PDB file of N, CA and C in Angstrom:
ATOM      1  N   GLU A   1     183.489  38.579 218.318  1.00  0.00           N
ATOM      2  CA  GLU A   1     184.473  39.630 218.260  1.00  0.00           C
ATOM      3  C   GLU A   1     185.755  39.125 217.602  1.00  0.00           C
ATOM      4  N   GLN A   2     185.554  38.458 216.450  1.00  0.00           N
ATOM      5  CA  GLN A   2     186.699  37.983 215.687  1.00  0.00           C
ATOM      6  C   GLN A   2     186.790  38.760 214.373  1.00  0.00           C
ATOM      7  N   GLU A   3     187.956  38.741 213.837  1.00  0.00           N
ATOM      8  CA  GLU A   3     188.161  39.363 212.540  1.00  0.00           C
ATOM      9  C   GLU A   3     187.536  38.481 211.471  1.00  0.00           C
ATOM     10  N   LEU A   4     186.876  39.076 210.481  1.00  0.00           N
ATOM     11  CA  LEU A   4     186.185  38.332 209.434  1.00  0.00           C
ATOM     12  C   LEU A   4     186.797  38.716 208.094  1.00  0.00           C
ATOM     13  N   GLU A   5     187.128  37.712 207.270  1.00  0.00           N
ATOM     14  CA  GLU A   5     187.676  37.953 205.936  1.00  0.00           C
ATOM     15  C   GLU A   5     186.660  37.478 204.907  1.00  0.00           C
ATOM     16  N   LEU A   6     186.205  38.384 204.054  1.00  0.00           N
ATOM     17  CA  LEU A   6     185.303  38.018 202.972  1.00  0.00           C
ATOM     18  C   LEU A   6     186.142  37.653 201.756  1.00  0.00           C
ATOM     19  N   VAL A   7     185.950  36.453 201.245  1.00  0.00           N
ATOM     20  CA  VAL A   7     186.728  35.985 200.110  1.00  0.00           C
ATOM     21  C   VAL A   7     185.972  36.211 198.805  1.00  0.00           C
ATOM     22  N   THR A   8     184.706  35.869 198.800  1.00  0.00           N
ATOM     23  CA  THR A   8     183.889  36.032 197.602  1.00  0.00           C
ATOM     24  C   THR A   8     182.535  36.599 197.990  1.00  0.00           C
ATOM     25  N   ILE A   9     182.117  37.601 197.254  1.00  0.00           N
ATOM     26  CA  ILE A   9     180.787  38.151 197.453  1.00  0.00           C
ATOM     27  C   ILE A   9     180.117  38.165 196.084  1.00  0.00           C
ATOM     28  N   ARG A  10     178.938  37.582 195.997  1.00  0.00           N
ATOM     29  CA  ARG A  10     178.195  37.576 194.734  1.00  0.00           C
ATOM     30  C   ARG A  10     176.916  38.362 194.914  1.00  0.00           C
ATOM     31  N   VAL A  11     176.612  39.164 193.924  1.00  0.00           N
ATOM     32  CA  VAL A  11     175.406  39.981 193.969  1.00  0.00           C
ATOM     33  C   VAL A  11     174.657  39.799 192.661  1.00  0.00           C
ATOM     34  N   THR A  12     173.362  39.653 192.757  1.00  0.00           N
ATOM     35  CA  THR A  12     172.512  39.589 191.575  1.00  0.00           C
ATOM     36  C   THR A  12     171.505  40.717 191.658  1.00  0.00           C
ATOM     37  N   ALA A  13     171.368  41.430 190.552  1.00  0.00           N
ATOM     38  CA  ALA A  13     170.413  42.541 190.528  1.00  0.00           C
ATOM     39  C   ALA A  13     169.531  42.410 189.298  1.00  0.00           C
ATOM     40  N   THR A  14     168.293  42.804 189.452  1.00  0.00           N
ATOM     41  CA  THR A  14     167.387  42.840 188.309  1.00  0.00           C
ATOM     42  C   THR A  14     166.751  44.220 188.252  1.00  0.00           C
ATOM     43  N   ALA A  15     166.412  44.607 187.057  1.00  0.00           N
ATOM     44  CA  ALA A  15     165.792  45.916 186.879  1.00  0.00           C
ATOM     45  C   ALA A  15     164.864  45.845 185.687  1.00  0.00           C
ATOM     46  N   GLU A  16     163.850  46.693 185.689  1.00  0.00           N
ATOM     47  CA  GLU A  16     162.988  46.771 184.527  1.00  0.00           C
ATOM     48  C   GLU A  16     163.804  47.299 183.363  1.00  0.00           C
ATOM     49  N   ARG A  17     163.465  46.828 182.214  1.00  0.00           N
ATOM     50  CA  ARG A  17     164.208  47.259 181.028  1.00  0.00           C
ATOM     51  C   ARG A  17     163.244  47.602 179.920  1.00  0.00           C
ATOM     52  N   SER A  18     163.730  48.351 178.992  1.00  0.00           N
ATOM     53  CA  SER A  18     162.915  48.649 177.820  1.00  0.00           C
ATOM     54  C   SER A  18     163.249  47.627 176.738  1.00  0.00           C
ATOM     55  N   GLU A  19     162.345  47.478 175.809  1.00  0.00           N
ATOM     56  CA  GLU A  19     162.569  46.544 174.721  1.00  0.00           C
ATOM     57  C   GLU A  19     163.726  47.018 173.846  1.00  0.00           C
ATOM     58  N   VAL A  20     164.528  46.084 173.403  1.00  0.00           N
ATOM     59  CA  VAL A  20     165.653  46.391 172.523  1.00  0.00           C
ATOM     60  C   VAL A  20     165.237  46.064 171.101  1.00  0.00           C
ATOM     61  N   GLU A  21     165.457  47.015 170.219  1.00  0.00           N
ATOM     62  CA  GLU A  21     165.124  46.809 168.823  1.00  0.00           C
ATOM     63  C   GLU A  21     166.414  46.852 168.021  1.00  0.00           C
ATOM     64  N   LEU A  22     166.698  45.771 167.343  1.00  0.00           N
ATOM     65  CA  LEU A  22     167.912  45.723 166.544  1.00  0.00           C
ATOM     66  C   LEU A  22     167.738  46.552 165.290  1.00  0.00           C
ATOM     67  N   ALA A  23     168.834  47.130 164.848  1.00  0.00           N
ATOM     68  CA  ALA A  23     168.794  47.997 163.672  1.00  0.00           C
ATOM     69  C   ALA A  23     168.397  47.190 162.446  1.00  0.00           C
ATOM     70  N   GLY A  24     167.338  47.591 161.819  1.00  0.00           N
ATOM     71  CA  GLY A  24     166.918  46.946 160.592  1.00  0.00           C
ATOM     72  C   GLY A  24     167.353  47.771 159.397  1.00  0.00           C
ATOM     73  N   ASP A  25     167.456  49.063 159.596  1.00  0.00           N
ATOM     74  CA  ASP A  25     167.874  49.971 158.540  1.00  0.00           C
ATOM     75  C   ASP A  25     169.388  49.945 158.468  1.00  0.00           C
ATOM     76  N   ARG A  26     169.934  49.441 157.403  1.00  0.00           N
ATOM     77  CA  ARG A  26     171.378  49.313 157.260  1.00  0.00           C
ATOM     78  C   ARG A  26     171.922  50.520 156.513  1.00  0.00           C
ATOM     79  N   ALA A  27     171.694  51.711 157.075  1.00  0.00           N
ATOM     80  CA  ALA A  27     172.185  52.937 156.445  1.00  0.00           C
ATOM     81  C   ALA A  27     173.691  52.839 156.259  1.00  0.00           C
ATOM     82  N   GLY A  28     174.141  53.136 155.091  1.00  0.00           N
ATOM     83  CA  GLY A  28     175.574  53.082 154.810  1.00  0.00           C
ATOM     84  C   GLY A  28     175.985  51.772 154.176  1.00  0.00           C
ATOM     85  N   ALA A  29     175.146  50.733 154.300  1.00  0.00           N
ATOM     86  CA  ALA A  29     175.484  49.458 153.672  1.00  0.00           C
ATOM     87  C   ALA A  29     175.351  49.628 152.168  1.00  0.00           C
ATOM     88  N   ASP A  30     176.293  49.124 151.462  1.00  0.00           N
ATOM     89  CA  ASP A  30     176.317  49.281 150.021  1.00  0.00           C
ATOM     90  C   ASP A  30     176.994  48.047 149.454  1.00  0.00           C
ATOM     91  N   GLU A  31     177.017  47.949 148.157  1.00  0.00           N
ATOM     92  CA  GLU A  31     177.765  46.855 147.564  1.00  0.00           C
ATOM     93  C   GLU A  31     179.226  46.992 147.972  1.00  0.00           C
ATOM     94  N   VAL A  32     179.818  45.870 148.314  1.00  0.00           N
ATOM     95  CA  VAL A  32     181.220  45.903 148.717  1.00  0.00           C
ATOM     96  C   VAL A  32     182.109  45.782 147.493  1.00  0.00           C
ATOM     97  N   GLU A  33     183.291  46.306 147.629  1.00  0.00           N
ATOM     98  CA  GLU A  33     184.302  46.195 146.582  1.00  0.00           C
ATOM     99  C   GLU A  33     184.998  44.852 146.779  1.00  0.00           C
ATOM    100  N   ARG A  34     185.023  44.002 145.766  1.00  0.00           N
ATOM    101  CA  ARG A  34     185.636  42.677 145.874  1.00  0.00           C
ATOM    102  C   ARG A  34     186.911  42.626 145.047  1.00  0.00           C
ATOM    103  N   SER A  35     187.939  42.016 145.651  1.00  0.00           N
ATOM    104  CA  SER A  35     189.205  41.814 144.946  1.00  0.00           C
ATOM    105  C   SER A  35     189.857  40.565 145.542  1.00  0.00           C
ATOM    106  N   THR A  36     191.085  40.283 145.133  1.00  0.00           N
ATOM    107  CA  THR A  36     191.835  39.160 145.708  1.00  0.00           C
ATOM    108  C   THR A  36     193.211  39.641 146.122  1.00  0.00           C
ATOM    109  N   ARG A  37     193.848  38.869 146.978  1.00  0.00           N
ATOM    110  CA  ARG A  37     195.177  39.233 147.483  1.00  0.00           C
ATOM    111  C   ARG A  37     195.883  37.961 147.933  1.00  0.00           C
ATOM    112  N   GLU A  38     197.189  37.959 147.818  1.00  0.00           N
ATOM    113  CA  GLU A  38     198.009  36.856 148.324  1.00  0.00           C
ATOM    114  C   GLU A  38     198.236  37.064 149.812  1.00  0.00           C
ATOM    115  N   ALA A  39     198.211  35.980 150.573  1.00  0.00           N
ATOM    116  CA  ALA A  39     198.448  36.054 152.015  1.00  0.00           C
ATOM    117  C   ALA A  39     199.076  34.746 152.468  1.00  0.00           C
ATOM    118  N   THR A  40     199.677  34.771 153.630  1.00  0.00           N
ATOM    119  CA  THR A  40     200.245  33.565 154.218  1.00  0.00           C
ATOM    120  C   THR A  40     199.389  33.154 155.405  1.00  0.00           C
ATOM    121  N   LEU A  41     198.800  31.949 155.325  1.00  0.00           N
ATOM    122  CA  LEU A  41     197.988  31.406 156.409  1.00  0.00           C
ATOM    123  C   LEU A  41     198.557  30.055 156.804  1.00  0.00           C
ATOM    124  N   ASP A  42     198.856  29.892 158.070  1.00  0.00           N
ATOM    125  CA  ASP A  42     199.459  28.646 158.574  1.00  0.00           C
ATOM    126  C   ASP A  42     200.698  28.251 157.787  1.00  0.00           C
ATOM    127  N   GLY A  43     201.501  29.261 157.418  1.00  0.00           N
ATOM    128  CA  GLY A  43     202.756  29.009 156.725  1.00  0.00           C
ATOM    129  C   GLY A  43     202.616  28.733 155.245  1.00  0.00           C
ATOM    130  N   GLU A  44     201.401  28.761 154.705  1.00  0.00           N
ATOM    131  CA  GLU A  44     201.183  28.503 153.284  1.00  0.00           C
ATOM    132  C   GLU A  44     200.711  29.767 152.575  1.00  0.00           C
ATOM    133  N   GLN A  45     201.204  29.957 151.362  1.00  0.00           N
ATOM    134  CA  GLN A  45     200.790  31.088 150.537  1.00  0.00           C
ATOM    135  C   GLN A  45     199.442  30.754 149.901  1.00  0.00           C
ATOM    136  N   VAL A  46     198.437  31.605 150.110  1.00  0.00           N
ATOM    137  CA  VAL A  46     197.106  31.378 149.539  1.00  0.00           C
ATOM    138  C   VAL A  46     196.601  32.669 148.910  1.00  0.00           C
ATOM    139  N   GLU A  47     195.669  32.521 147.976  1.00  0.00           N
ATOM    140  CA  GLU A  47     194.985  33.685 147.425  1.00  0.00           C
ATOM    141  C   GLU A  47     193.644  33.771 148.132  1.00  0.00           C
ATOM    142  N   LEU A  48     193.361  34.921 148.712  1.00  0.00           N
ATOM    143  CA  LEU A  48     192.089  35.065 149.403  1.00  0.00           C
ATOM    144  C   LEU A  48     191.276  36.191 148.811  1.00  0.00           C
ATOM    145  N   GLU A  49     189.966  36.072 148.970  1.00  0.00           N
ATOM    146  CA  GLU A  49     189.055  37.105 148.502  1.00  0.00           C
ATOM    147  C   GLU A  49     189.043  38.236 149.520  1.00  0.00           C
ATOM    148  N   VAL A  50     188.980  39.474 149.042  1.00  0.00           N
ATOM    149  CA  VAL A  50     188.926  40.646 149.916  1.00  0.00           C
ATOM    150  C   VAL A  50     187.635  41.400 149.622  1.00  0.00           C
ATOM    151  N   LEU A  51     186.850  41.636 150.668  1.00  0.00           N
ATOM    152  CA  LEU A  51     185.633  42.432 150.559  1.00  0.00           C
ATOM    153  C   LEU A  51     185.868  43.710 151.344  1.00  0.00           C
ATOM    154  N   ARG A  52     185.725  44.857 150.707  1.00  0.00           N
ATOM    155  CA  ARG A  52     185.988  46.135 151.370  1.00  0.00           C
ATOM    156  C   ARG A  52     184.730  46.981 151.362  1.00  0.00           C
ATOM    157  N   GLY A  53     184.373  47.510 152.547  1.00  0.00           N
ATOM    158  CA  GLY A  53     183.196  48.365 152.664  1.00  0.00           C
ATOM    159  C   GLY A  53     182.235  47.821 153.710  1.00  0.00           C
ATOM    160  N   ILE A  54     181.007  48.339 153.704  1.00  0.00           N
ATOM    161  CA  ILE A  54     179.974  47.890 154.641  1.00  0.00           C
ATOM    162  C   ILE A  54     179.053  46.952 153.874  1.00  0.00           C
ATOM    163  N   PRO A  55     179.156  45.647 154.135  1.00  0.00           N
ATOM    164  CA  PRO A  55     178.383  44.694 153.339  1.00  0.00           C
ATOM    165  C   PRO A  55     176.893  44.721 153.675  1.00  0.00           C
ATOM    166  N   PRO A  56     176.033  44.725 152.660  1.00  0.00           N
ATOM    167  CA  PRO A  56     174.586  44.688 152.905  1.00  0.00           C
ATOM    168  C   PRO A  56     174.149  43.298 153.344  1.00  0.00           C
ATOM    169  N   ALA A  57     172.957  43.203 153.903  1.00  0.00           N
ATOM    170  CA  ALA A  57     172.396  41.914 154.305  1.00  0.00           C
ATOM    171  C   ALA A  57     172.401  40.962 153.117  1.00  0.00           C
ATOM    172  N   GLY A  58     172.728  39.701 153.400  1.00  0.00           N
ATOM    173  CA  GLY A  58     172.747  38.685 152.355  1.00  0.00           C
ATOM    174  C   GLY A  58     174.108  38.486 151.714  1.00  0.00           C
ATOM    175  N   THR A  59     175.073  39.386 151.990  1.00  0.00           N
ATOM    176  CA  THR A  59     176.415  39.229 151.432  1.00  0.00           C
ATOM    177  C   THR A  59     177.032  37.948 151.977  1.00  0.00           C
ATOM    178  N   GLN A  60     177.628  37.145 151.096  1.00  0.00           N
ATOM    179  CA  GLN A  60     178.252  35.885 151.492  1.00  0.00           C
ATOM    180  C   GLN A  60     179.701  35.857 151.052  1.00  0.00           C
ATOM    181  N   ALA A  61     180.510  35.129 151.801  1.00  0.00           N
ATOM    182  CA  ALA A  61     181.914  34.939 151.445  1.00  0.00           C
ATOM    183  C   ALA A  61     182.364  33.601 152.014  1.00  0.00           C
ATOM    184  N   GLY A  62     183.185  32.906 151.263  1.00  0.00           N
ATOM    185  CA  GLY A  62     183.755  31.640 151.721  1.00  0.00           C
ATOM    186  C   GLY A  62     185.239  31.796 151.940  1.00  0.00           C
ATOM    187  N   GLY A  63     185.736  31.177 153.005  1.00  0.00           N
ATOM    188  CA  GLY A  63     187.148  31.302 153.339  1.00  0.00           C
ATOM    189  C   GLY A  63     188.035  30.529 152.382  1.00  0.00           C
ATOM    190  N   PRO A  64     189.247  30.954 152.207  1.00  0.00           N
ATOM    191  CA  PRO A  64     189.870  32.072 152.902  1.00  0.00           C
ATOM    192  C   PRO A  64     189.450  33.416 152.297  1.00  0.00           C
ATOM    193  N   ALA A  65     189.085  34.326 153.176  1.00  0.00           N
ATOM    194  CA  ALA A  65     188.662  35.657 152.750  1.00  0.00           C
ATOM    195  C   ALA A  65     188.891  36.654 153.879  1.00  0.00           C
ATOM    196  N   VAL A  66     188.883  37.925 153.522  1.00  0.00           N
ATOM    197  CA  VAL A  66     189.019  39.007 154.495  1.00  0.00           C
ATOM    198  C   VAL A  66     187.911  40.007 154.210  1.00  0.00           C
ATOM    199  N   ILE A  67     187.219  40.449 155.270  1.00  0.00           N
ATOM    200  CA  ILE A  67     186.238  41.518 155.128  1.00  0.00           C
ATOM    201  C   ILE A  67     186.828  42.740 155.823  1.00  0.00           C
ATOM    202  N   GLU A  68     187.114  43.780 155.043  1.00  0.00           N
ATOM    203  CA  GLU A  68     187.703  45.009 155.575  1.00  0.00           C
ATOM    204  C   GLU A  68     186.580  46.004 155.836  1.00  0.00           C
ATOM    205  N   LEU A  69     186.171  46.098 157.098  1.00  0.00           N
ATOM    206  CA  LEU A  69     185.125  47.022 157.528  1.00  0.00           C
ATOM    207  C   LEU A  69     185.756  48.352 157.912  1.00  0.00           C
ATOM    208  N   PRO A  70     184.981  49.417 158.011  1.00  0.00           N
ATOM    209  CA  PRO A  70     185.570  50.708 158.398  1.00  0.00           C
ATOM    210  C   PRO A  70     186.257  50.675 159.767  1.00  0.00           C
ATOM    211  N   GLU A  71     185.747  49.866 160.713  1.00  0.00           N
ATOM    212  CA  GLU A  71     186.286  49.881 162.074  1.00  0.00           C
ATOM    213  C   GLU A  71     187.108  48.646 162.439  1.00  0.00           C
ATOM    214  N   SER A  72     187.125  47.622 161.572  1.00  0.00           N
ATOM    215  CA  SER A  72     187.856  46.399 161.900  1.00  0.00           C
ATOM    216  C   SER A  72     188.060  45.563 160.648  1.00  0.00           C
ATOM    217  N   THR A  73     188.826  44.489 160.810  1.00  0.00           N
ATOM    218  CA  THR A  73     189.069  43.552 159.721  1.00  0.00           C
ATOM    219  C   THR A  73     188.744  42.154 160.219  1.00  0.00           C
ATOM    220  N   LEU A  74     188.010  41.382 159.417  1.00  0.00           N
ATOM    221  CA  LEU A  74     187.595  40.040 159.798  1.00  0.00           C
ATOM    222  C   LEU A  74     188.208  39.038 158.837  1.00  0.00           C
ATOM    223  N   LEU A  75     188.937  38.042 159.387  1.00  0.00           N
ATOM    224  CA  LEU A  75     189.499  36.960 158.585  1.00  0.00           C
ATOM    225  C   LEU A  75     188.530  35.787 158.622  1.00  0.00           C
ATOM    226  N   ILE A  76     188.174  35.291 157.457  1.00  0.00           N
ATOM    227  CA  ILE A  76     187.372  34.074 157.344  1.00  0.00           C
ATOM    228  C   ILE A  76     188.346  32.972 156.940  1.00  0.00           C
ATOM    229  N   PRO A  77     188.642  32.048 157.862  1.00  0.00           N
ATOM    230  CA  PRO A  77     189.641  31.023 157.567  1.00  0.00           C
ATOM    231  C   PRO A  77     189.171  30.028 156.502  1.00  0.00           C
ATOM    232  N   PRO A  78     190.099  29.299 155.895  1.00  0.00           N
ATOM    233  CA  PRO A  78     189.702  28.248 154.953  1.00  0.00           C
ATOM    234  C   PRO A  78     188.761  27.262 155.656  1.00  0.00           C
ATOM    235  N   GLY A  79     187.745  26.810 154.933  1.00  0.00           N
ATOM    236  CA  GLY A  79     186.810  25.859 155.501  1.00  0.00           C
ATOM    237  C   GLY A  79     185.656  26.499 156.256  1.00  0.00           C
ATOM    238  N   TRP A  80     185.559  27.824 156.217  1.00  0.00           N
ATOM    239  CA  TRP A  80     184.480  28.547 156.895  1.00  0.00           C
ATOM    240  C   TRP A  80     183.732  29.393 155.877  1.00  0.00           C
ATOM    241  N   ASP A  81     182.455  29.610 156.133  1.00  0.00           N
ATOM    242  CA  ASP A  81     181.618  30.497 155.323  1.00  0.00           C
ATOM    243  C   ASP A  81     181.094  31.614 156.204  1.00  0.00           C
ATOM    244  N   ALA A  82     180.809  32.768 155.610  1.00  0.00           N
ATOM    245  CA  ALA A  82     180.257  33.901 156.357  1.00  0.00           C
ATOM    246  C   ALA A  82     179.094  34.485 155.581  1.00  0.00           C
ATOM    247  N   GLU A  83     178.115  35.006 156.332  1.00  0.00           N
ATOM    248  CA  GLU A  83     176.964  35.669 155.720  1.00  0.00           C
ATOM    249  C   GLU A  83     176.528  36.814 156.623  1.00  0.00           C
ATOM    250  N   VAL A  84     176.142  37.929 156.012  1.00  0.00           N
ATOM    251  CA  VAL A  84     175.681  39.112 156.747  1.00  0.00           C
ATOM    252  C   VAL A  84     174.167  38.990 156.939  1.00  0.00           C
ATOM    253  N   ASP A  85     173.708  39.102 158.203  1.00  0.00           N
ATOM    254  CA  ASP A  85     172.270  39.017 158.455  1.00  0.00           C
ATOM    255  C   ASP A  85     171.621  40.393 158.350  1.00  0.00           C
ATOM    256  N   ASP A  86     170.318  40.465 158.637  1.00  0.00           N
ATOM    257  CA  ASP A  86     169.554  41.705 158.475  1.00  0.00           C
ATOM    258  C   ASP A  86     170.000  42.829 159.402  1.00  0.00           C
ATOM    259  N   THR A  87     170.682  42.495 160.507  1.00  0.00           N
ATOM    260  CA  THR A  87     171.133  43.530 161.441  1.00  0.00           C
ATOM    261  C   THR A  87     172.576  43.951 161.182  1.00  0.00           C
ATOM    262  N   GLY A  88     173.218  43.338 160.184  1.00  0.00           N
ATOM    263  CA  GLY A  88     174.604  43.682 159.878  1.00  0.00           C
ATOM    264  C   GLY A  88     175.616  42.780 160.561  1.00  0.00           C
ATOM    265  N   THR A  89     175.126  41.817 161.357  1.00  0.00           N
ATOM    266  CA  THR A  89     176.030  40.871 162.013  1.00  0.00           C
ATOM    267  C   THR A  89     176.569  39.889 160.987  1.00  0.00           C
ATOM    268  N   ILE A  90     177.868  39.660 161.037  1.00  0.00           N
ATOM    269  CA  ILE A  90     178.490  38.698 160.129  1.00  0.00           C
ATOM    270  C   ILE A  90     178.577  37.372 160.874  1.00  0.00           C
ATOM    271  N   ARG A  91     177.822  36.394 160.417  1.00  0.00           N
ATOM    272  CA  ARG A  91     177.785  35.086 161.059  1.00  0.00           C
ATOM    273  C   ARG A  91     178.675  34.120 160.283  1.00  0.00           C
ATOM    274  N   MET A  92     179.538  33.422 161.017  1.00  0.00           N
ATOM    275  CA  MET A  92     180.435  32.465 160.396  1.00  0.00           C
ATOM    276  C   MET A  92     180.087  31.054 160.855  1.00  0.00           C
ATOM    277  N   ALA A  93     180.246  30.094 159.951  1.00  0.00           N
ATOM    278  CA  ALA A  93     180.005  28.692 160.262  1.00  0.00           C
ATOM    279  C   ALA A  93     180.953  27.843 159.430  1.00  0.00           C
ATOM    280  N   ARG A  94     181.276  26.685 159.958  1.00  0.00           N
ATOM    281  CA  ARG A  94     182.117  25.764 159.186  1.00  0.00           C
ATOM    282  C   ARG A  94     181.381  25.388 157.908  1.00  0.00           C
ATOM    283  N   ALA A  95     182.120  25.399 156.802  1.00  0.00           N
ATOM    284  CA  ALA A  95     181.541  25.034 155.508  1.00  0.00           C
ATOM    285  C   ALA A  95     181.176  23.558 155.522  1.00  0.00           C
ATOM    286  N   GLY A  96     180.159  23.242 154.782  1.00  0.00           N
ATOM    287  CA  GLY A  96     179.838  21.815 154.714  1.00  0.00           C
ATOM    288  C   GLY A  96     178.464  21.525 154.647  1.00  0.00           C
TER     289      GLY A  96
END
């Protein structure tokens, strides 16, 4: 008959799920418009590549670059490379 204080409660649940299929059809993906622009990165003036639009699978860009998507903007820093995979995900990795 004492008062009890619960500090942490952890719950794990599992449920049946359906298979997830990643989008293979890149409807709307088209050649991107490429240009260049001056920008300041880490206090230094640099010229970076600008890709505008929905990039198709296989599109590559090396930093410094900017990919201007309809819903967001992605900065690829100097020393990094990016490539669009078959599902439209832009994967970045250190160049080298």
